[in-house]
PDB file of N, CA and C in Angstrom:
ATOM      1  N   MET A   1    -130.028 166.142  15.160  1.00  0.00           N
ATOM      2  CA  MET A   1    -128.867 165.475  15.681  1.00  0.00           C
ATOM      3  C   MET A   1    -127.758 166.485  15.996  1.00  0.00           C
ATOM      4  N   ILE A   2    -127.549 167.450  15.119  1.00  0.00           N
ATOM      5  CA  ILE A   2    -126.514 168.450  15.365  1.00  0.00           C
ATOM      6  C   ILE A   2    -126.878 169.294  16.577  1.00  0.00           C
ATOM      7  N   GLU A   3    -128.131 169.718  16.664  1.00  0.00           N
ATOM      8  CA  GLU A   3    -128.559 170.531  17.803  1.00  0.00           C
ATOM      9  C   GLU A   3    -128.405 169.764  19.112  1.00  0.00           C
ATOM     10  N   GLN A   4    -128.749 168.485  19.122  1.00  0.00           N
ATOM     11  CA  GLN A   4    -128.592 167.660  20.320  1.00  0.00           C
ATOM     12  C   GLN A   4    -127.121 167.527  20.702  1.00  0.00           C
ATOM     13  N   SER A   5    -126.260 167.372  19.716  1.00  0.00           N
ATOM     14  CA  SER A   5    -124.823 167.262  19.981  1.00  0.00           C
ATOM     15  C   SER A   5    -124.288 168.547  20.591  1.00  0.00           C
ATOM     16  N   ILE A   6    -124.725 169.685  20.088  1.00  0.00           N
ATOM     17  CA  ILE A   6    -124.286 170.970  20.635  1.00  0.00           C
ATOM     18  C   ILE A   6    -124.752 171.114  22.075  1.00  0.00           C
ATOM     19  N   LEU A   7    -125.993 170.739  22.360  1.00  0.00           N
ATOM     20  CA  LEU A   7    -126.502 170.802  23.738  1.00  0.00           C
ATOM     21  C   LEU A   7    -125.697 169.904  24.669  1.00  0.00           C
ATOM     22  N   LEU A   8    -125.363 168.710  24.216  1.00  0.00           N
ATOM     23  CA  LEU A   8    -124.565 167.784  25.015  1.00  0.00           C
ATOM     24  C   LEU A   8    -123.190 168.374  25.316  1.00  0.00           C
ATOM     25  N   LEU A   9    -122.563 168.989  24.330  1.00  0.00           N
ATOM     26  CA  LEU A   9    -121.252 169.602  24.540  1.00  0.00           C
ATOM     27  C   LEU A   9    -121.337 170.775  25.509  1.00  0.00           C
ATOM     28  N   LYS A  10    -122.407 171.555  25.444  1.00  0.00           N
ATOM     29  CA  LYS A  10    -122.608 172.652  26.400  1.00  0.00           C
ATOM     30  C   LYS A  10    -122.718 172.101  27.819  1.00  0.00           C
ATOM     31  N   GLU A  11    -123.462 171.008  27.988  1.00  0.00           N
ATOM     32  CA  GLU A  11    -123.619 170.387  29.304  1.00  0.00           C
ATOM     33  C   GLU A  11    -122.291 169.889  29.853  1.00  0.00           C
ATOM     34  N   ARG A  12    -121.381 169.537  28.965  1.00  0.00           N
ATOM     35  CA  ARG A  12    -120.057 169.043  29.371  1.00  0.00           C
ATOM     36  C   ARG A  12    -119.042 170.175  29.513  1.00  0.00           C
ATOM     37  N   ASN A  13    -119.530 171.420  29.446  1.00  0.00           N
ATOM     38  CA  ASN A  13    -118.698 172.613  29.618  1.00  0.00           C
ATOM     39  C   ASN A  13    -117.570 172.722  28.599  1.00  0.00           C
ATOM     40  N   ILE A  14    -117.844 172.307  27.371  1.00  0.00           N
ATOM     41  CA  ILE A  14    -116.884 172.462  26.283  1.00  0.00           C
ATOM     42  C   ILE A  14    -116.913 173.929  25.851  1.00  0.00           C
ATOM     43  N   ASP A  15    -115.733 174.534  25.648  1.00  0.00           N
ATOM     44  CA  ASP A  15    -115.656 175.956  25.295  1.00  0.00           C
ATOM     45  C   ASP A  15    -116.174 176.259  23.896  1.00  0.00           C
ATOM     46  N   GLY A  16    -115.911 175.368  22.964  1.00  0.00           N
ATOM     47  CA  GLY A  16    -116.322 175.623  21.592  1.00  0.00           C
ATOM     48  C   GLY A  16    -116.064 174.418  20.725  1.00  0.00           C
ATOM     49  N   LEU A  17    -116.472 174.519  19.481  1.00  0.00           N
ATOM     50  CA  LEU A  17    -116.262 173.411  18.567  1.00  0.00           C
ATOM     51  C   LEU A  17    -116.065 173.932  17.155  1.00  0.00           C
ATOM     52  N   VAL A  18    -115.499 173.095  16.328  1.00  0.00           N
ATOM     53  CA  VAL A  18    -115.259 173.442  14.928  1.00  0.00           C
ATOM     54  C   VAL A  18    -115.840 172.354  14.037  1.00  0.00           C
ATOM     55  N   VAL A  19    -116.074 172.733  12.798  1.00  0.00           N
ATOM     56  CA  VAL A  19    -116.589 171.786  11.820  1.00  0.00           C
ATOM     57  C   VAL A  19    -116.041 172.175  10.449  1.00  0.00           C
ATOM     58  N   LEU A  20    -115.817 171.177   9.629  1.00  0.00           N
ATOM     59  CA  LEU A  20    -115.479 171.410   8.223  1.00  0.00           C
ATOM     60  C   LEU A  20    -116.723 171.110   7.419  1.00  0.00           C
ATOM     61  N   GLY A  21    -117.224 172.101   6.706  1.00  0.00           N
ATOM     62  CA  GLY A  21    -118.423 171.845   5.935  1.00  0.00           C
ATOM     63  C   GLY A  21    -118.969 173.076   5.256  1.00  0.00           C
ATOM     64  N   ASP A  22    -120.131 172.921   4.695  1.00  0.00           N
ATOM     65  CA  ASP A  22    -120.798 173.975   3.944  1.00  0.00           C
ATOM     66  C   ASP A  22    -121.235 175.099   4.884  1.00  0.00           C
ATOM     67  N   PRO A  23    -120.681 176.302   4.719  1.00  0.00           N
ATOM     68  CA  PRO A  23    -121.034 177.398   5.612  1.00  0.00           C
ATOM     69  C   PRO A  23    -122.517 177.766   5.563  1.00  0.00           C
ATOM     70  N   GLU A  24    -123.136 177.598   4.415  1.00  0.00           N
ATOM     71  CA  GLU A  24    -124.559 177.908   4.293  1.00  0.00           C
ATOM     72  C   GLU A  24    -125.393 176.974   5.173  1.00  0.00           C
ATOM     73  N   TYR A  25    -125.009 175.718   5.223  1.00  0.00           N
ATOM     74  CA  TYR A  25    -125.730 174.734   6.031  1.00  0.00           C
ATOM     75  C   TYR A  25    -125.439 174.917   7.521  1.00  0.00           C
ATOM     76  N   TYR A  26    -124.157 174.967   7.895  1.00  0.00           N
ATOM     77  CA  TYR A  26    -123.791 174.985   9.307  1.00  0.00           C
ATOM     78  C   TYR A  26    -124.040 176.319   9.999  1.00  0.00           C
ATOM     79  N   SER A  27    -124.202 177.389   9.238  1.00  0.00           N
ATOM     80  CA  SER A  27    -124.494 178.680   9.873  1.00  0.00           C
ATOM     81  C   SER A  27    -125.842 178.650  10.590  1.00  0.00           C
ATOM     82  N   ARG A  28    -126.748 177.797  10.150  1.00  0.00           N
ATOM     83  CA  ARG A  28    -128.059 177.715  10.814  1.00  0.00           C
ATOM     84  C   ARG A  28    -127.955 177.137  12.229  1.00  0.00           C
ATOM     85  N   PHE A  29    -126.812 176.515  12.543  1.00  0.00           N
ATOM     86  CA  PHE A  29    -126.585 175.963  13.877  1.00  0.00           C
ATOM     87  C   PHE A  29    -125.648 176.839  14.711  1.00  0.00           C
ATOM     88  N   GLY A  30    -125.302 178.012  14.188  1.00  0.00           N
ATOM     89  CA  GLY A  30    -124.466 178.940  14.945  1.00  0.00           C
ATOM     90  C   GLY A  30    -122.988 178.905  14.613  1.00  0.00           C
ATOM     91  N   PHE A  31    -122.603 178.180  13.578  1.00  0.00           N
ATOM     92  CA  PHE A  31    -121.197 178.125  13.175  1.00  0.00           C
ATOM     93  C   PHE A  31    -120.885 179.289  12.238  1.00  0.00           C
ATOM     94  N   HIS A  32    -119.662 179.839  12.393  1.00  0.00           N
ATOM     95  CA  HIS A  32    -119.231 180.964  11.568  1.00  0.00           C
ATOM     96  C   HIS A  32    -117.769 180.803  11.207  1.00  0.00           C
ATOM     97  N   HIS A  33    -117.411 181.360  10.055  1.00  0.00           N
ATOM     98  CA  HIS A  33    -116.001 181.387   9.651  1.00  0.00           C
ATOM     99  C   HIS A  33    -115.303 182.506  10.407  1.00  0.00           C
ATOM    100  N   ASN A  34    -114.057 182.275  10.768  1.00  0.00           N
ATOM    101  CA  ASN A  34    -113.230 183.302  11.389  1.00  0.00           C
ATOM    102  C   ASN A  34    -111.886 183.274  10.687  1.00  0.00           C
ATOM    103  N   HIS A  35    -111.428 184.425  10.238  1.00  0.00           N
ATOM    104  CA  HIS A  35    -110.180 184.489   9.474  1.00  0.00           C
ATOM    105  C   HIS A  35    -108.959 184.018  10.264  1.00  0.00           C
ATOM    106  N   ARG A  36    -109.068 183.910  11.594  1.00  0.00           N
ATOM    107  CA  ARG A  36    -107.944 183.447  12.418  1.00  0.00           C
ATOM    108  C   ARG A  36    -107.741 181.944  12.315  1.00  0.00           C
ATOM    109  N   PHE A  37    -108.737 181.235  11.859  1.00  0.00           N
ATOM    110  CA  PHE A  37    -108.650 179.781  11.785  1.00  0.00           C
ATOM    111  C   PHE A  37    -108.241 179.335  10.389  1.00  0.00           C
ATOM    112  N   ILE A  38    -107.197 178.546  10.339  1.00  0.00           N
ATOM    113  CA  ILE A  38    -106.680 178.050   9.064  1.00  0.00           C
ATOM    114  C   ILE A  38    -106.390 176.564   9.204  1.00  0.00           C
ATOM    115  N   VAL A  39    -106.798 175.806   8.221  1.00  0.00           N
ATOM    116  CA  VAL A  39    -106.454 174.392   8.146  1.00  0.00           C
ATOM    117  C   VAL A  39    -105.772 174.198   6.802  1.00  0.00           C
ATOM    118  N   GLU A  40    -104.545 173.752   6.846  1.00  0.00           N
ATOM    119  CA  GLU A  40    -103.781 173.565   5.619  1.00  0.00           C
ATOM    120  C   GLU A  40    -104.511 172.623   4.667  1.00  0.00           C
ATOM    121  N   GLY A  41    -104.635 173.048   3.425  1.00  0.00           N
ATOM    122  CA  GLY A  41    -105.269 172.218   2.412  1.00  0.00           C
ATOM    123  C   GLY A  41    -106.783 172.320   2.358  1.00  0.00           C
ATOM    124  N   VAL A  42    -107.363 173.163   3.209  1.00  0.00           N
ATOM    125  CA  VAL A  42    -108.821 173.315   3.245  1.00  0.00           C
ATOM    126  C   VAL A  42    -109.163 174.774   2.958  1.00  0.00           C
ATOM    127  N   PRO A  43    -110.042 175.050   1.997  1.00  0.00           N
ATOM    128  CA  PRO A  43    -110.458 176.435   1.778  1.00  0.00           C
ATOM    129  C   PRO A  43    -111.028 177.018   3.071  1.00  0.00           C
ATOM    130  N   ALA A  44    -110.552 178.195   3.450  1.00  0.00           N
ATOM    131  CA  ALA A  44    -110.886 178.803   4.741  1.00  0.00           C
ATOM    132  C   ALA A  44    -112.387 178.924   4.990  1.00  0.00           C
ATOM    133  N   LYS A  45    -113.159 179.161   3.943  1.00  0.00           N
ATOM    134  CA  LYS A  45    -114.593 179.377   4.157  1.00  0.00           C
ATOM    135  C   LYS A  45    -115.317 178.137   4.679  1.00  0.00           C
ATOM    136  N   TYR A  46    -114.684 176.960   4.564  1.00  0.00           N
ATOM    137  CA  TYR A  46    -115.321 175.723   5.018  1.00  0.00           C
ATOM    138  C   TYR A  46    -114.936 175.317   6.439  1.00  0.00           C
ATOM    139  N   PHE A  47    -114.014 176.039   7.046  1.00  0.00           N
ATOM    140  CA  PHE A  47    -113.600 175.730   8.418  1.00  0.00           C
ATOM    141  C   PHE A  47    -114.342 176.696   9.328  1.00  0.00           C
ATOM    142  N   LEU A  48    -115.313 176.186  10.071  1.00  0.00           N
ATOM    143  CA  LEU A  48    -116.235 177.006  10.848  1.00  0.00           C
ATOM    144  C   LEU A  48    -116.110 176.691  12.332  1.00  0.00           C
ATOM    145  N   ALA A  49    -116.416 177.681  13.154  1.00  0.00           N
ATOM    146  CA  ALA A  49    -116.310 177.500  14.599  1.00  0.00           C
ATOM    147  C   ALA A  49    -117.539 178.077  15.295  1.00  0.00           C
ATOM    148  N   GLN A  50    -117.714 177.639  16.520  1.00  0.00           N
ATOM    149  CA  GLN A  50    -118.802 178.146  17.356  1.00  0.00           C
ATOM    150  C   GLN A  50    -118.328 178.155  18.804  1.00  0.00           C
ATOM    151  N   SER A  51    -118.546 179.274  19.482  1.00  0.00           N
ATOM    152  CA  SER A  51    -118.253 179.352  20.907  1.00  0.00           C
ATOM    153  C   SER A  51    -119.470 178.865  21.677  1.00  0.00           C
ATOM    154  N   LEU A  52    -119.236 178.088  22.708  1.00  0.00           N
ATOM    155  CA  LEU A  52    -120.345 177.605  23.537  1.00  0.00           C
ATOM    156  C   LEU A  52    -120.406 178.328  24.873  1.00  0.00           C
ATOM    157  N   ILE A  53    -119.446 179.234  25.120  1.00  0.00           N
ATOM    158  CA  ILE A  53    -119.426 179.941  26.398  1.00  0.00           C
ATOM    159  C   ILE A  53    -119.675 181.437  26.253  1.00  0.00           C
ATOM    160  N   ASN A  54    -119.249 182.023  25.142  1.00  0.00           N
ATOM    161  CA  ASN A  54    -119.401 183.454  24.929  1.00  0.00           C
ATOM    162  C   ASN A  54    -119.526 183.673  23.430  1.00  0.00           C
ATOM    163  N   ILE A  55    -120.693 184.057  22.975  1.00  0.00           N
ATOM    164  CA  ILE A  55    -120.918 184.156  21.535  1.00  0.00           C
ATOM    165  C   ILE A  55    -120.036 185.201  20.867  1.00  0.00           C
ATOM    166  N   ASN A  56    -119.470 186.119  21.643  1.00  0.00           N
ATOM    167  CA  ASN A  56    -118.615 187.154  21.069  1.00  0.00           C
ATOM    168  C   ASN A  56    -117.140 186.793  21.095  1.00  0.00           C
ATOM    169  N   GLN A  57    -116.796 185.654  21.652  1.00  0.00           N
ATOM    170  CA  GLN A  57    -115.387 185.285  21.769  1.00  0.00           C
ATOM    171  C   GLN A  57    -115.208 183.801  21.462  1.00  0.00           C
ATOM    172  N   LEU A  58    -114.510 183.518  20.378  1.00  0.00           N
ATOM    173  CA  LEU A  58    -114.222 182.132  20.042  1.00  0.00           C
ATOM    174  C   LEU A  58    -113.020 181.661  20.836  1.00  0.00           C
ATOM    175  N   PRO A  59    -113.054 180.444  21.326  1.00  0.00           N
ATOM    176  CA  PRO A  59    -111.902 179.916  22.054  1.00  0.00           C
ATOM    177  C   PRO A  59    -110.706 179.755  21.121  1.00  0.00           C
ATOM    178  N   SER A  60    -109.526 179.716  21.707  1.00  0.00           N
ATOM    179  CA  SER A  60    -108.326 179.491  20.905  1.00  0.00           C
ATOM    180  C   SER A  60    -107.688 178.186  21.340  1.00  0.00           C
ATOM    181  N   GLY A  61    -106.830 177.660  20.508  1.00  0.00           N
ATOM    182  CA  GLY A  61    -106.152 176.417  20.831  1.00  0.00           C
ATOM    183  C   GLY A  61    -105.830 175.645  19.576  1.00  0.00           C
ATOM    184  N   ILE A  62    -105.399 174.440  19.747  1.00  0.00           N
ATOM    185  CA  ILE A  62    -105.026 173.579  18.636  1.00  0.00           C
ATOM    186  C   ILE A  62    -106.181 172.638  18.337  1.00  0.00           C
ATOM    187  N   VAL A  63    -106.573 172.608  17.097  1.00  0.00           N
ATOM    188  CA  VAL A  63    -107.655 171.721  16.671  1.00  0.00           C
ATOM    189  C   VAL A  63    -107.052 170.377  16.299  1.00  0.00           C
ATOM    190  N   THR A  64    -107.631 169.323  16.834  1.00  0.00           N
ATOM    191  CA  THR A  64    -107.205 167.976  16.465  1.00  0.00           C
ATOM    192  C   THR A  64    -108.407 167.233  15.896  1.00  0.00           C
ATOM    193  N   PHE A  65    -108.112 166.316  15.011  1.00  0.00           N
ATOM    194  CA  PHE A  65    -109.169 165.540  14.382  1.00  0.00           C
ATOM    195  C   PHE A  65    -109.001 164.068  14.729  1.00  0.00           C
ATOM    196  N   HIS A  66    -110.076 163.345  14.666  1.00  0.00           N
ATOM    197  CA  HIS A  66    -110.062 161.909  14.891  1.00  0.00           C
ATOM    198  C   HIS A  66    -109.116 161.255  13.885  1.00  0.00           C
ATOM    199  N   LYS A  67    -108.510 160.148  14.278  1.00  0.00           N
ATOM    200  CA  LYS A  67    -107.562 159.439  13.411  1.00  0.00           C
ATOM    201  C   LYS A  67    -108.158 159.072  12.057  1.00  0.00           C
ATOM    202  N   ALA A  68    -109.454 158.892  11.996  1.00  0.00           N
ATOM    203  CA  ALA A  68    -110.107 158.533  10.735  1.00  0.00           C
ATOM    204  C   ALA A  68    -109.903 159.595   9.660  1.00  0.00           C
ATOM    205  N   PHE A  69    -109.607 160.822  10.077  1.00  0.00           N
ATOM    206  CA  PHE A  69    -109.429 161.907   9.120  1.00  0.00           C
ATOM    207  C   PHE A  69    -107.978 162.123   8.719  1.00  0.00           C
ATOM    208  N   GLU A  70    -107.083 161.321   9.238  1.00  0.00           N
ATOM    209  CA  GLU A  70    -105.660 161.481   8.902  1.00  0.00           C
ATOM    210  C   GLU A  70    -105.345 160.893   7.553  1.00  0.00           C
TER     211      GLU A  70
END
């Protein structure tokens, strides 16, 4: 399901995506921690990102979450 979601986002020309979760689990799908990304109240090692356009360059911008997470 995760791999299919990533493929769908690539088809939609999304630059990148982030996830909050276990780095050991999500690293198998290409997610990595980057010290530039910080989410208040969340241990940094659990905030992971993946570039879908250039594996050597993570996109920048403001991360927003669905209202369910507020």
